[in-house]
Amino acid sequence: LPNAPLTALDYRRLLLDVPGVRNAWIAEFAPPTYYADAIEGRLSHDDPAVPGVREVHLRGLHRVRIEYADGASTADKARILAEVGEALQANRCLCEDFADVAVVEPQDSVLCGEIELEASADPLEAYAAILLAAQRYLAPGVRRYTREDLRRSDPELFEGPAPRHGFIDAEELEAAELRATLRLSDVIGELMDVPGVKAVRDIVVRPADLNAAEAAESKWEVSVR
């Protein structure tokens, strides 16, 4: 039976059930170190450098990143953020909290390549499929399914919070992580799986705000800004 969210994947499922959220991620939040003065009974940000003071490291704090669905208006974004905050506070565990909730802003990327197609491939269809495959790698989304779609392939379908807007495949959710690095070898692998693609002769993927000279220095692995 469904249960309240407990794991990071559970909380991602919870947030993905908010209309207008395309993807969401949960990570540990590293707060600053505090200093406890047991004699004075004080907790301070700065080390007072007196005997008896010990460092205090808070635990149980998380940071949340969400991505809006395409086409979300300003009013939609305000509503989405409010609903995300309400969902988190209504489902947080005892002695845990969400210290930082922020939006992942889109970052344009440049894709340039020389790709050989099979003789029988339709160039327009292959071109569209190539762009779609690259987009899914750069900014993976999470699809919603009906119960019938997943009930045979996912025996743990009802684990975690009960969804209101469709079920989510656990493997797809785990794979849809927030990209910190773009690996060219991964992009090539995705494009080679496109029907009609015979070979990837040359390809460049880089953030649009990174010039060609900078991109050449780290062609095979580019950090997302």
Protein backbone atom coordinates (compact mmCIF):
# COMPACT_ATOMS: atom_id res chain seq x y z
CA LEU A 1 0.00 0.00 0.00
CA PRO A 2 1.13 3.60 -0.52
CA ASN A 3 2.92 5.35 2.32
CA ALA A 4 4.26 8.78 3.22
CA PRO A 5 7.52 9.70 1.46
CA LEU A 6 10.70 8.52 3.14
CA THR A 7 13.50 8.22 0.56
CA ALA A 8 14.79 10.81 -1.89
CA LEU A 9 12.98 8.99 -4.71
CA ASP A 10 9.75 9.12 -2.71
CA TYR A 11 10.06 12.89 -2.36
CA ARG A 12 10.81 13.23 -6.07
CA ARG A 13 7.61 11.30 -6.81
CA LEU A 14 5.72 13.58 -4.44
CA LEU A 15 6.94 16.72 -6.21
CA LEU A 16 6.46 15.30 -9.69
CA ASP A 17 2.80 14.87 -8.80
CA VAL A 18 2.49 18.67 -8.52
CA PRO A 19 1.04 19.90 -11.84
CA GLY A 20 3.65 21.92 -13.72
CA VAL A 21 6.75 20.18 -12.29
CA ARG A 22 8.74 18.51 -15.08
CA ASN A 23 11.45 17.13 -12.83
CA ALA A 24 12.62 17.44 -9.24
CA TRP A 25 15.70 16.50 -7.25
CA ILE A 26 16.49 16.13 -3.54
CA ALA A 27 19.99 16.38 -2.07
CA GLU A 28 21.62 16.85 1.30
CA PHE A 29 22.05 20.48 2.35
CA ALA A 30 25.37 21.38 3.98
CA PRO A 31 24.65 24.18 6.48
CA PRO A 32 27.42 26.29 8.03
CA THR A 33 29.08 25.12 11.22
CA TYR A 34 27.64 26.50 14.45
CA TYR A 35 29.39 26.85 17.80
CA ALA A 36 27.76 25.92 21.12
CA ASP A 37 28.88 27.59 24.30
CA ALA A 38 27.59 25.29 27.03
CA ILE A 39 28.56 27.70 29.81
CA GLU A 40 26.79 30.75 28.37
CA GLY A 41 24.03 28.68 26.76
CA ARG A 42 24.59 30.26 23.35
CA LEU A 43 24.71 29.02 19.80
CA SER A 44 26.63 31.30 17.42
CA HIS A 45 27.80 31.42 13.80
CA ASP A 46 31.34 32.48 14.72
CA ASP A 47 33.81 30.63 16.91
CA PRO A 48 34.19 32.68 20.10
CA ALA A 49 37.54 30.96 20.73
CA VAL A 50 36.90 30.32 24.41
CA PRO A 51 37.24 27.07 26.38
CA GLY A 52 34.27 24.73 26.43
CA VAL A 53 32.93 25.64 22.96
CA ARG A 54 32.17 22.79 20.59
CA GLU A 55 31.23 22.64 16.95
CA VAL A 56 27.65 21.77 16.02
CA HIS A 57 26.87 20.20 12.65
CA LEU A 58 23.18 20.15 11.80
CA ARG A 59 21.76 17.12 10.05
CA GLY A 60 18.45 16.35 8.43
CA LEU A 61 18.41 19.39 6.15
CA HIS A 62 17.76 18.94 2.44
CA ARG A 63 17.89 21.12 -0.63
CA VAL A 64 15.34 20.82 -3.42
CA ARG A 65 15.65 21.69 -7.09
CA ILE A 66 12.65 21.70 -9.43
CA GLU A 67 12.27 22.18 -13.17
CA TYR A 68 9.13 23.79 -14.55
CA ALA A 69 7.18 22.12 -17.32
CA ASP A 70 7.50 23.74 -20.73
CA GLY A 71 5.22 26.72 -21.26
CA ALA A 72 4.68 27.56 -17.59
CA SER A 73 3.58 31.19 -17.20
CA THR A 74 4.62 33.56 -14.43
CA ALA A 75 1.37 32.85 -12.59
CA ASP A 76 1.88 29.10 -13.07
CA LYS A 77 5.39 29.31 -11.63
CA ALA A 78 4.19 31.12 -8.51
CA ARG A 79 1.46 28.51 -8.01
CA ILE A 80 3.89 25.63 -8.60
CA LEU A 81 6.41 26.93 -6.06
CA ALA A 82 3.67 27.43 -3.49
CA GLU A 83 2.32 23.89 -4.01
CA VAL A 84 5.83 22.44 -3.85
CA GLY A 85 6.44 24.17 -0.52
CA GLU A 86 3.10 22.96 0.85
CA ALA A 87 3.75 19.37 -0.26
CA LEU A 88 7.20 19.34 1.34
CA GLN A 89 6.05 20.78 4.66
CA ALA A 90 3.05 18.48 4.83
CA ASN A 91 5.25 15.42 4.32
CA ARG A 92 8.55 16.16 6.02
CA CYS A 93 9.93 13.64 8.48
CA LEU A 94 10.40 14.36 12.17
CA CYS A 95 13.57 16.41 12.83
CA GLU A 96 14.07 17.03 9.10
CA ASP A 97 13.44 20.11 6.99
CA PHE A 98 13.94 21.59 3.54
CA ALA A 99 16.35 24.48 3.86
CA ASP A 100 16.67 25.44 0.23
CA VAL A 101 14.07 25.20 -2.57
CA ALA A 102 15.15 26.63 -5.91
CA VAL A 103 14.37 26.43 -9.61
CA VAL A 104 16.74 24.96 -12.19
CA GLU A 105 16.92 27.52 -14.98
CA PRO A 106 17.24 26.26 -18.58
CA GLN A 107 20.65 26.48 -20.18
CA ASP A 108 20.94 26.51 -23.97
CA SER A 109 23.40 24.09 -25.54
CA VAL A 110 25.01 23.88 -28.96
CA LEU A 111 24.88 20.56 -30.82
CA CYS A 112 26.95 20.18 -33.97
CA GLY A 113 27.78 16.89 -35.61
CA GLU A 114 28.48 14.86 -38.71
CA ILE A 115 26.24 11.79 -38.74
CA GLU A 116 26.04 9.06 -41.36
CA LEU A 117 22.61 7.56 -41.99
CA GLU A 118 21.57 4.19 -43.35
CA ALA A 119 20.68 4.27 -47.05
CA SER A 120 17.05 3.45 -46.23
CA ALA A 121 16.67 6.14 -43.53
CA ASP A 122 14.43 9.17 -44.01
CA PRO A 123 16.68 12.21 -43.37
CA LEU A 124 13.92 14.38 -41.86
CA GLU A 125 12.67 11.66 -39.52
CA ALA A 126 16.21 10.79 -38.47
CA TYR A 127 17.04 14.46 -37.88
CA ALA A 128 14.00 14.92 -35.63
CA ALA A 129 14.78 11.71 -33.74
CA ILE A 130 18.41 12.79 -33.25
CA LEU A 131 17.36 16.12 -31.75
CA LEU A 132 14.84 14.39 -29.49
CA ALA A 133 17.45 11.88 -28.27
CA ALA A 134 19.93 14.66 -27.55
CA GLN A 135 17.27 16.66 -25.70
CA ARG A 136 16.34 13.67 -23.56
CA TYR A 137 19.98 13.22 -22.59
CA LEU A 138 20.64 16.89 -21.85
CA ALA A 139 17.42 17.48 -19.91
CA PRO A 140 15.77 14.16 -19.05
CA GLY A 141 12.12 14.31 -18.14
CA VAL A 142 9.93 11.80 -16.34
CA ARG A 143 6.91 10.29 -18.02
CA ARG A 144 3.61 9.45 -16.32
CA TYR A 145 1.94 6.08 -16.82
CA THR A 146 -1.38 4.50 -16.03
CA ARG A 147 -1.58 1.65 -13.52
CA GLU A 148 -2.17 -0.81 -16.33
CA ASP A 149 1.01 0.35 -18.10
CA LEU A 150 3.22 -0.55 -15.15
CA ARG A 151 1.45 -3.11 -12.98
CA ARG A 152 3.23 -6.08 -14.63
CA SER A 153 6.67 -4.54 -15.09
CA ASP A 154 6.90 -2.83 -11.70
CA PRO A 155 5.95 -5.03 -8.71
CA GLU A 156 6.63 -2.11 -6.36
CA LEU A 157 4.21 0.17 -8.17
CA PHE A 158 2.42 1.36 -5.03
CA GLU A 159 5.49 2.00 -2.89
CA GLY A 160 5.87 5.61 -1.77
CA PRO A 161 3.25 8.38 -1.90
CA ALA A 162 0.02 7.65 -3.76
CA PRO A 163 0.05 9.53 -7.09
CA ARG A 164 -2.83 11.67 -8.31
CA HIS A 165 -1.60 12.36 -11.84
CA GLY A 166 -0.12 9.07 -13.05
CA PHE A 167 2.48 6.53 -11.99
CA ILE A 168 6.24 6.89 -12.50
CA ASP A 169 8.64 4.14 -13.53
CA ALA A 170 11.33 3.77 -10.83
CA GLU A 171 14.17 3.09 -13.29
CA GLU A 172 13.28 6.12 -15.42
CA LEU A 173 13.15 8.28 -12.30
CA GLU A 174 16.59 7.17 -11.15
CA ALA A 175 18.02 7.80 -14.63
CA ALA A 176 16.55 11.32 -14.86
CA GLU A 177 19.18 12.89 -12.63
CA LEU A 178 20.19 16.54 -12.84
CA ARG A 179 23.11 16.77 -15.25
CA ALA A 180 26.27 18.21 -13.72
CA THR A 181 28.48 17.04 -16.59
CA LEU A 182 27.86 16.47 -20.29
CA ARG A 183 29.79 13.43 -21.50
CA LEU A 184 30.23 13.24 -25.24
CA SER A 185 30.51 9.45 -25.16
CA ASP A 186 27.04 9.27 -23.59
CA VAL A 187 25.60 11.54 -26.28
CA ILE A 188 27.14 9.40 -29.02
CA GLY A 189 25.64 6.29 -27.41
CA GLU A 190 22.18 7.88 -27.35
CA LEU A 191 22.42 8.94 -31.01
CA MET A 192 23.64 5.52 -32.15
CA ASP A 193 20.40 4.07 -30.75
CA VAL A 194 18.34 6.27 -33.09
CA PRO A 195 16.85 4.17 -35.93
CA GLY A 196 18.59 4.96 -39.20
CA VAL A 197 21.85 6.22 -37.69
CA LYS A 198 24.82 4.26 -39.06
CA ALA A 199 27.73 6.20 -37.54
CA VAL A 200 28.56 9.39 -35.65
CA ARG A 201 31.61 10.76 -37.46
CA ASP A 202 32.08 13.88 -35.38
CA ILE A 203 30.06 15.71 -32.76
CA VAL A 204 30.34 18.68 -30.42
CA VAL A 205 28.04 19.42 -27.49
CA ARG A 206 28.67 22.46 -25.31
CA PRO A 207 26.80 25.13 -23.34
CA ALA A 208 25.87 28.00 -25.65
CA ASP A 209 27.70 30.52 -23.45
CA LEU A 210 30.96 28.57 -23.76
CA ASN A 211 33.06 29.64 -26.74
CA ALA A 212 34.60 27.15 -29.16
CA ALA A 213 38.12 27.55 -27.76
CA GLU A 214 37.01 26.79 -24.22
CA ALA A 215 34.93 23.85 -25.41
CA ALA A 216 37.89 22.36 -27.29
CA GLU A 217 39.86 22.09 -24.06
CA SER A 218 37.30 19.71 -22.53
CA LYS A 219 35.46 18.34 -25.54
CA TRP A 220 34.69 14.91 -24.07
CA GLU A 221 33.44 16.14 -20.71
CA VAL A 222 31.84 19.54 -20.21
CA SER A 223 30.61 20.87 -16.88
CA VAL A 224 27.07 22.27 -16.84
CA ARG A 225 27.03 25.85 -15.60
